[in-house]
Amino acid sequence: MAVRQGRRQLLAPNWGIITNGTHIQLFRKHSKVVFPATVCLELTTENVDKVVSLIKDKMDNTPRALTVVVYQ
């Protein structure tokens, strides 16, 4: 059940956040590919405002470029 719920949340439109209460990570979806938009961030009472601000900034100021790598 948890795996299905997590998969459904990560495949939702554009952004997803996973947290266990002490750590948080922002993910971004491009087509059907989900990738981390931040590293896993520790949440404390001292840094929660800074972390929320960082996540909000990432979501509000998304770069519009796509990197393509071709190799042989």
PDB file of N, CA and C in Angstrom:
ATOM      1  N   MET A   1       0.825  -1.195   0.000  1.00  0.00           N
ATOM      2  CA  MET A   1       0.000   0.000   0.000  1.00  0.00           C
ATOM      3  C   MET A   1       0.869   1.258   0.000  1.00  0.00           C
ATOM      4  N   ALA A   2       1.893   1.314   0.851  1.00  0.00           N
ATOM      5  CA  ALA A   2       2.744   2.495   0.940  1.00  0.00           C
ATOM      6  C   ALA A   2       3.504   2.725  -0.365  1.00  0.00           C
ATOM      7  N   VAL A   3       3.929   1.642  -1.006  1.00  0.00           N
ATOM      8  CA  VAL A   3       4.654   1.776  -2.274  1.00  0.00           C
ATOM      9  C   VAL A   3       3.738   2.366  -3.339  1.00  0.00           C
ATOM     10  N   ARG A   4       2.505   1.870  -3.419  1.00  0.00           N
ATOM     11  CA  ARG A   4       1.547   2.403  -4.399  1.00  0.00           C
ATOM     12  C   ARG A   4       1.246   3.870  -4.119  1.00  0.00           C
ATOM     13  N   GLN A   5       1.068   4.214  -2.859  1.00  0.00           N
ATOM     14  CA  GLN A   5       0.776   5.598  -2.491  1.00  0.00           C
ATOM     15  C   GLN A   5       1.957   6.500  -2.838  1.00  0.00           C
ATOM     16  N   GLY A   6       3.172   6.070  -2.531  1.00  0.00           N
ATOM     17  CA  GLY A   6       4.351   6.854  -2.869  1.00  0.00           C
ATOM     18  C   GLY A   6       4.510   7.020  -4.364  1.00  0.00           C
ATOM     19  N   ARG A   7       4.284   5.955  -5.111  1.00  0.00           N
ATOM     20  CA  ARG A   7       4.389   6.029  -6.568  1.00  0.00           C
ATOM     21  C   ARG A   7       3.349   6.994  -7.132  1.00  0.00           C
ATOM     22  N   ARG A   8       2.128   6.927  -6.610  1.00  0.00           N
ATOM     23  CA  ARG A   8       1.053   7.810  -7.074  1.00  0.00           C
ATOM     24  C   ARG A   8       1.394   9.273  -6.780  1.00  0.00           C
ATOM     25  N   GLN A   9       1.954   9.539  -5.596  1.00  0.00           N
ATOM     26  CA  GLN A   9       2.311  10.911  -5.240  1.00  0.00           C
ATOM     27  C   GLN A   9       3.457  11.424  -6.094  1.00  0.00           C
ATOM     28  N   LEU A  10       4.448  10.575  -6.371  1.00  0.00           N
ATOM     29  CA  LEU A  10       5.574  11.011  -7.185  1.00  0.00           C
ATOM     30  C   LEU A  10       5.197  11.216  -8.649  1.00  0.00           C
ATOM     31  N   LEU A  11       4.145  10.550  -9.113  1.00  0.00           N
ATOM     32  CA  LEU A  11       3.717  10.717 -10.499  1.00  0.00           C
ATOM     33  C   LEU A  11       2.651  11.792 -10.639  1.00  0.00           C
ATOM     34  N   ALA A  12       2.329  12.485  -9.549  1.00  0.00           N
ATOM     35  CA  ALA A  12       1.386  13.606  -9.592  1.00  0.00           C
ATOM     36  C   ALA A  12       2.031  14.769 -10.347  1.00  0.00           C
ATOM     37  N   PRO A  13       1.273  15.808 -10.634  1.00  0.00           N
ATOM     38  CA  PRO A  13       1.813  16.904 -11.450  1.00  0.00           C
ATOM     39  C   PRO A  13       3.076  17.548 -10.870  1.00  0.00           C
ATOM     40  N   ASN A  14       4.131  17.553 -11.637  1.00  0.00           N
ATOM     41  CA  ASN A  14       5.369  18.311 -11.491  1.00  0.00           C
ATOM     42  C   ASN A  14       6.195  18.153 -10.220  1.00  0.00           C
ATOM     43  N   TRP A  15       5.633  18.314  -9.028  1.00  0.00           N
ATOM     44  CA  TRP A  15       6.431  18.336  -7.805  1.00  0.00           C
ATOM     45  C   TRP A  15       5.941  17.310  -6.797  1.00  0.00           C
ATOM     46  N   GLY A  16       6.854  16.816  -5.998  1.00  0.00           N
ATOM     47  CA  GLY A  16       6.507  15.910  -4.908  1.00  0.00           C
ATOM     48  C   GLY A  16       7.464  16.132  -3.749  1.00  0.00           C
ATOM     49  N   ILE A  17       6.968  15.965  -2.550  1.00  0.00           N
ATOM     50  CA  ILE A  17       7.794  16.104  -1.351  1.00  0.00           C
ATOM     51  C   ILE A  17       7.651  14.829  -0.544  1.00  0.00           C
ATOM     52  N   ILE A  18       8.787  14.293  -0.129  1.00  0.00           N
ATOM     53  CA  ILE A  18       8.782  13.121   0.743  1.00  0.00           C
ATOM     54  C   ILE A  18       9.441  13.540   2.050  1.00  0.00           C
ATOM     55  N   THR A  19       8.798  13.200   3.155  1.00  0.00           N
ATOM     56  CA  THR A  19       9.352  13.524   4.469  1.00  0.00           C
ATOM     57  C   THR A  19       9.022  12.420   5.455  1.00  0.00           C
ATOM     58  N   ASN A  20       9.872  12.263   6.447  1.00  0.00           N
ATOM     59  CA  ASN A  20       9.589  11.358   7.547  1.00  0.00           C
ATOM     60  C   ASN A  20       9.463  12.130   8.857  1.00  0.00           C
ATOM     61  N   GLY A  21       9.424  13.453   8.746  1.00  0.00           N
ATOM     62  CA  GLY A  21       9.297  14.302   9.928  1.00  0.00           C
ATOM     63  C   GLY A  21      10.622  14.884  10.378  1.00  0.00           C
ATOM     64  N   THR A  22      11.725  14.205  10.107  1.00  0.00           N
ATOM     65  CA  THR A  22      13.035  14.737  10.475  1.00  0.00           C
ATOM     66  C   THR A  22      13.869  15.088   9.249  1.00  0.00           C
ATOM     67  N   HIS A  23      13.520  14.535   8.096  1.00  0.00           N
ATOM     68  CA  HIS A  23      14.201  14.838   6.841  1.00  0.00           C
ATOM     69  C   HIS A  23      13.147  15.085   5.766  1.00  0.00           C
ATOM     70  N   ILE A  24      13.503  15.889   4.772  1.00  0.00           N
ATOM     71  CA  ILE A  24      12.571  16.223   3.696  1.00  0.00           C
ATOM     72  C   ILE A  24      13.356  16.306   2.389  1.00  0.00           C
ATOM     73  N   GLN A  25      12.711  15.901   1.298  1.00  0.00           N
ATOM     74  CA  GLN A  25      13.352  15.986  -0.010  1.00  0.00           C
ATOM     75  C   GLN A  25      12.299  16.343  -1.052  1.00  0.00           C
ATOM     76  N   LEU A  26      12.664  17.259  -1.933  1.00  0.00           N
ATOM     77  CA  LEU A  26      11.789  17.707  -3.010  1.00  0.00           C
ATOM     78  C   LEU A  26      12.149  16.954  -4.289  1.00  0.00           C
ATOM     79  N   PHE A  27      11.128  16.485  -4.996  1.00  0.00           N
ATOM     80  CA  PHE A  27      11.313  15.788  -6.260  1.00  0.00           C
ATOM     81  C   PHE A  27      10.577  16.534  -7.355  1.00  0.00           C
ATOM     82  N   ARG A  28      11.071  16.393  -8.574  1.00  0.00           N
ATOM     83  CA  ARG A  28      10.429  17.007  -9.730  1.00  0.00           C
ATOM     84  C   ARG A  28      10.159  15.948 -10.772  1.00  0.00           C
ATOM     85  N   LYS A  29       9.043  16.095 -11.465  1.00  0.00           N
ATOM     86  CA  LYS A  29       8.684  15.158 -12.518  1.00  0.00           C
ATOM     87  C   LYS A  29       8.819  15.843 -13.865  1.00  0.00           C
ATOM     88  N   HIS A  30       9.462  15.155 -14.797  1.00  0.00           N
ATOM     89  CA  HIS A  30       9.527  15.595 -16.181  1.00  0.00           C
ATOM     90  C   HIS A  30       9.054  14.419 -17.012  1.00  0.00           C
ATOM     91  N   SER A  31       7.882  14.569 -17.621  1.00  0.00           N
ATOM     92  CA  SER A  31       7.220  13.473 -18.327  1.00  0.00           C
ATOM     93  C   SER A  31       6.942  12.373 -17.299  1.00  0.00           C
ATOM     94  N   LYS A  32       7.516  11.184 -17.477  1.00  0.00           N
ATOM     95  CA  LYS A  32       7.309  10.112 -16.491  1.00  0.00           C
ATOM     96  C   LYS A  32       8.554   9.851 -15.667  1.00  0.00           C
ATOM     97  N   VAL A  33       9.535  10.722 -15.779  1.00  0.00           N
ATOM     98  CA  VAL A  33      10.787  10.576 -15.035  1.00  0.00           C
ATOM     99  C   VAL A  33      10.735  11.470 -13.797  1.00  0.00           C
ATOM    100  N   VAL A  34      10.972  10.867 -12.645  1.00  0.00           N
ATOM    101  CA  VAL A  34      10.987  11.604 -11.376  1.00  0.00           C
ATOM    102  C   VAL A  34      12.427  11.652 -10.881  1.00  0.00           C
ATOM    103  N   PHE A  35      12.898  12.847 -10.544  1.00  0.00           N
ATOM    104  CA  PHE A  35      14.269  12.979 -10.072  1.00  0.00           C
ATOM    105  C   PHE A  35      14.312  13.949  -8.896  1.00  0.00           C
ATOM    106  N   PRO A  36      15.318  13.802  -8.015  1.00  0.00           N
ATOM    107  CA  PRO A  36      15.415  14.691  -6.857  1.00  0.00           C
ATOM    108  C   PRO A  36      15.771  16.113  -7.276  1.00  0.00           C
ATOM    109  N   ALA A  37      15.057  17.083  -6.729  1.00  0.00           N
ATOM    110  CA  ALA A  37      15.341  18.496  -6.983  1.00  0.00           C
ATOM    111  C   ALA A  37      16.187  19.089  -5.862  1.00  0.00           C
ATOM    112  N   THR A  38      16.234  18.412  -4.726  1.00  0.00           N
ATOM    113  CA  THR A  38      17.102  18.817  -3.613  1.00  0.00           C
ATOM    114  C   THR A  38      17.748  17.570  -3.037  1.00  0.00           C
ATOM    115  N   VAL A  39      18.774  17.785  -2.272  1.00  0.00           N
ATOM    116  CA  VAL A  39      19.332  16.691  -1.482  1.00  0.00           C
ATOM    117  C   VAL A  39      18.367  16.431  -0.328  1.00  0.00           C
ATOM    118  N   CYS A  40      18.584  15.367   0.394  1.00  0.00           N
ATOM    119  CA  CYS A  40      17.779  15.086   1.581  1.00  0.00           C
ATOM    120  C   CYS A  40      18.185  16.090   2.660  1.00  0.00           C
ATOM    121  N   LEU A  41      17.217  16.909   3.088  1.00  0.00           N
ATOM    122  CA  LEU A  41      17.485  17.996   4.025  1.00  0.00           C
ATOM    123  C   LEU A  41      16.981  17.635   5.422  1.00  0.00           C
ATOM    124  N   GLU A  42      17.815  17.870   6.428  1.00  0.00           N
ATOM    125  CA  GLU A  42      17.406  17.625   7.805  1.00  0.00           C
ATOM    126  C   GLU A  42      16.540  18.789   8.292  1.00  0.00           C
ATOM    127  N   LEU A  43      15.439  18.458   8.957  1.00  0.00           N
ATOM    128  CA  LEU A  43      14.554  19.473   9.533  1.00  0.00           C
ATOM    129  C   LEU A  43      14.796  19.576  11.027  1.00  0.00           C
ATOM    130  N   THR A  44      15.039  20.785  11.486  1.00  0.00           N
ATOM    131  CA  THR A  44      15.150  21.054  12.922  1.00  0.00           C
ATOM    132  C   THR A  44      14.304  22.289  13.227  1.00  0.00           C
ATOM    133  N   THR A  45      14.066  22.542  14.483  1.00  0.00           N
ATOM    134  CA  THR A  45      13.292  23.731  14.838  1.00  0.00           C
ATOM    135  C   THR A  45      14.043  25.002  14.464  1.00  0.00           C
ATOM    136  N   GLU A  46      15.368  24.922  14.395  1.00  0.00           N
ATOM    137  CA  GLU A  46      16.167  26.096  14.056  1.00  0.00           C
ATOM    138  C   GLU A  46      16.189  26.392  12.550  1.00  0.00           C
ATOM    139  N   ASN A  47      16.036  25.371  11.700  1.00  0.00           N
ATOM    140  CA  ASN A  47      16.201  25.604  10.264  1.00  0.00           C
ATOM    141  C   ASN A  47      14.936  25.402   9.427  1.00  0.00           C
ATOM    142  N   VAL A  48      13.801  25.149  10.044  1.00  0.00           N
ATOM    143  CA  VAL A  48      12.594  24.828   9.272  1.00  0.00           C
ATOM    144  C   VAL A  48      12.193  25.973   8.335  1.00  0.00           C
ATOM    145  N   ASP A  49      12.312  27.207   8.779  1.00  0.00           N
ATOM    146  CA  ASP A  49      11.967  28.342   7.909  1.00  0.00           C
ATOM    147  C   ASP A  49      12.905  28.421   6.709  1.00  0.00           C
ATOM    148  N   LYS A  50      14.187  28.186   6.929  1.00  0.00           N
ATOM    149  CA  LYS A  50      15.174  28.214   5.853  1.00  0.00           C
ATOM    150  C   LYS A  50      14.909  27.095   4.838  1.00  0.00           C
ATOM    151  N   VAL A  51      14.588  25.897   5.317  1.00  0.00           N
ATOM    152  CA  VAL A  51      14.322  24.757   4.429  1.00  0.00           C
ATOM    153  C   VAL A  51      13.057  25.003   3.610  1.00  0.00           C
ATOM    154  N   VAL A  52      12.003  25.480   4.248  1.00  0.00           N
ATOM    155  CA  VAL A  52      10.757  25.773   3.530  1.00  0.00           C
ATOM    156  C   VAL A  52      11.002  26.851   2.478  1.00  0.00           C
ATOM    157  N   SER A  53      11.789  27.845   2.827  1.00  0.00           N
ATOM    158  CA  SER A  53      12.125  28.916   1.894  1.00  0.00           C
ATOM    159  C   SER A  53      12.909  28.375   0.699  1.00  0.00           C
ATOM    160  N   LEU A  54      13.855  27.491   0.950  1.00  0.00           N
ATOM    161  CA  LEU A  54      14.636  26.869  -0.113  1.00  0.00           C
ATOM    162  C   LEU A  54      13.739  26.073  -1.063  1.00  0.00           C
ATOM    163  N   ILE A  55      12.838  25.278  -0.507  1.00  0.00           N
ATOM    164  CA  ILE A  55      11.929  24.468  -1.329  1.00  0.00           C
ATOM    165  C   ILE A  55      10.997  25.362  -2.136  1.00  0.00           C
ATOM    166  N   LYS A  56      10.454  26.392  -1.506  1.00  0.00           N
ATOM    167  CA  LYS A  56       9.572  27.320  -2.214  1.00  0.00           C
ATOM    168  C   LYS A  56      10.313  28.013  -3.350  1.00  0.00           C
ATOM    169  N   ASP A  57      11.549  28.419  -3.090  1.00  0.00           N
ATOM    170  CA  ASP A  57      12.353  29.072  -4.114  1.00  0.00           C
ATOM    171  C   ASP A  57      12.615  28.127  -5.290  1.00  0.00           C
ATOM    172  N   LYS A  58      12.931  26.869  -5.009  1.00  0.00           N
ATOM    173  CA  LYS A  58      13.145  25.877  -6.077  1.00  0.00           C
ATOM    174  C   LYS A  58      11.896  25.730  -6.930  1.00  0.00           C
ATOM    175  N   MET A  59      10.731  25.699  -6.281  1.00  0.00           N
ATOM    176  CA  MET A  59       9.478  25.495  -7.016  1.00  0.00           C
ATOM    177  C   MET A  59       9.081  26.745  -7.807  1.00  0.00           C
ATOM    178  N   ASP A  60       9.374  27.922  -7.272  1.00  0.00           N
ATOM    179  CA  ASP A  60       8.999  29.167  -7.942  1.00  0.00           C
ATOM    180  C   ASP A  60       9.957  29.562  -9.060  1.00  0.00           C
ATOM    181  N   ASN A  61      11.204  29.141  -8.976  1.00  0.00           N
ATOM    182  CA  ASN A  61      12.237  29.546  -9.939  1.00  0.00           C
ATOM    183  C   ASN A  61      12.847  28.335 -10.629  1.00  0.00           C
ATOM    184  N   THR A  62      12.011  27.597 -11.315  1.00  0.00           N
ATOM    185  CA  THR A  62      12.449  26.387 -11.989  1.00  0.00           C
ATOM    186  C   THR A  62      13.164  26.720 -13.294  1.00  0.00           C
ATOM    187  N   PRO A  63      14.371  26.212 -13.473  1.00  0.00           N
ATOM    188  CA  PRO A  63      15.031  26.422 -14.763  1.00  0.00           C
ATOM    189  C   PRO A  63      14.253  25.689 -15.859  1.00  0.00           C
ATOM    190  N   ARG A  64      14.192  26.280 -17.016  1.00  0.00           N
ATOM    191  CA  ARG A  64      13.402  25.729 -18.116  1.00  0.00           C
ATOM    192  C   ARG A  64      14.237  24.944 -19.118  1.00  0.00           C
ATOM    193  N   ALA A  65      15.427  24.529 -18.737  1.00  0.00           N
ATOM    194  CA  ALA A  65      16.302  23.813 -19.660  1.00  0.00           C
ATOM    195  C   ALA A  65      16.245  22.311 -19.395  1.00  0.00           C
ATOM    196  N   LEU A  66      16.509  21.562 -20.430  1.00  0.00           N
ATOM    197  CA  LEU A  66      16.597  20.114 -20.330  1.00  0.00           C
ATOM    198  C   LEU A  66      17.970  19.719 -20.837  1.00  0.00           C
ATOM    199  N   THR A  67      18.716  18.950 -20.057  1.00  0.00           N
ATOM    200  CA  THR A  67      20.034  18.502 -20.454  1.00  0.00           C
ATOM    201  C   THR A  67      19.909  17.150 -21.130  1.00  0.00           C
ATOM    202  N   VAL A  68      20.492  17.041 -22.295  1.00  0.00           N
ATOM    203  CA  VAL A  68      20.467  15.783 -23.029  1.00  0.00           C
ATOM    204  C   VAL A  68      21.905  15.314 -23.212  1.00  0.00           C
ATOM    205  N   VAL A  69      22.157  14.065 -22.880  1.00  0.00           N
ATOM    206  CA  VAL A  69      23.484  13.491 -23.022  1.00  0.00           C
ATOM    207  C   VAL A  69      23.407  12.391 -24.063  1.00  0.00           C
ATOM    208  N   VAL A  70      24.302  12.454 -25.050  1.00  0.00           N
ATOM    209  CA  VAL A  70      24.376  11.416 -26.079  1.00  0.00           C
ATOM    210  C   VAL A  70      25.704  10.717 -25.938  1.00  0.00           C
ATOM    211  N   TYR A  71      25.673   9.401 -25.869  1.00  0.00           N
ATOM    212  CA  TYR A  71      26.914   8.665 -25.780  1.00  0.00           C
ATOM    213  C   TYR A  71      26.831   7.452 -26.688  1.00  0.00           C
ATOM    214  N   GLN A  72      27.987   6.930 -27.034  1.00  0.00           N
ATOM    215  CA  GLN A  72      28.045   5.827 -27.956  1.00  0.00           C
ATOM    216  C   GLN A  72      28.669   4.627 -27.307  1.00  0.00           C
TER     217      GLN A  72
END
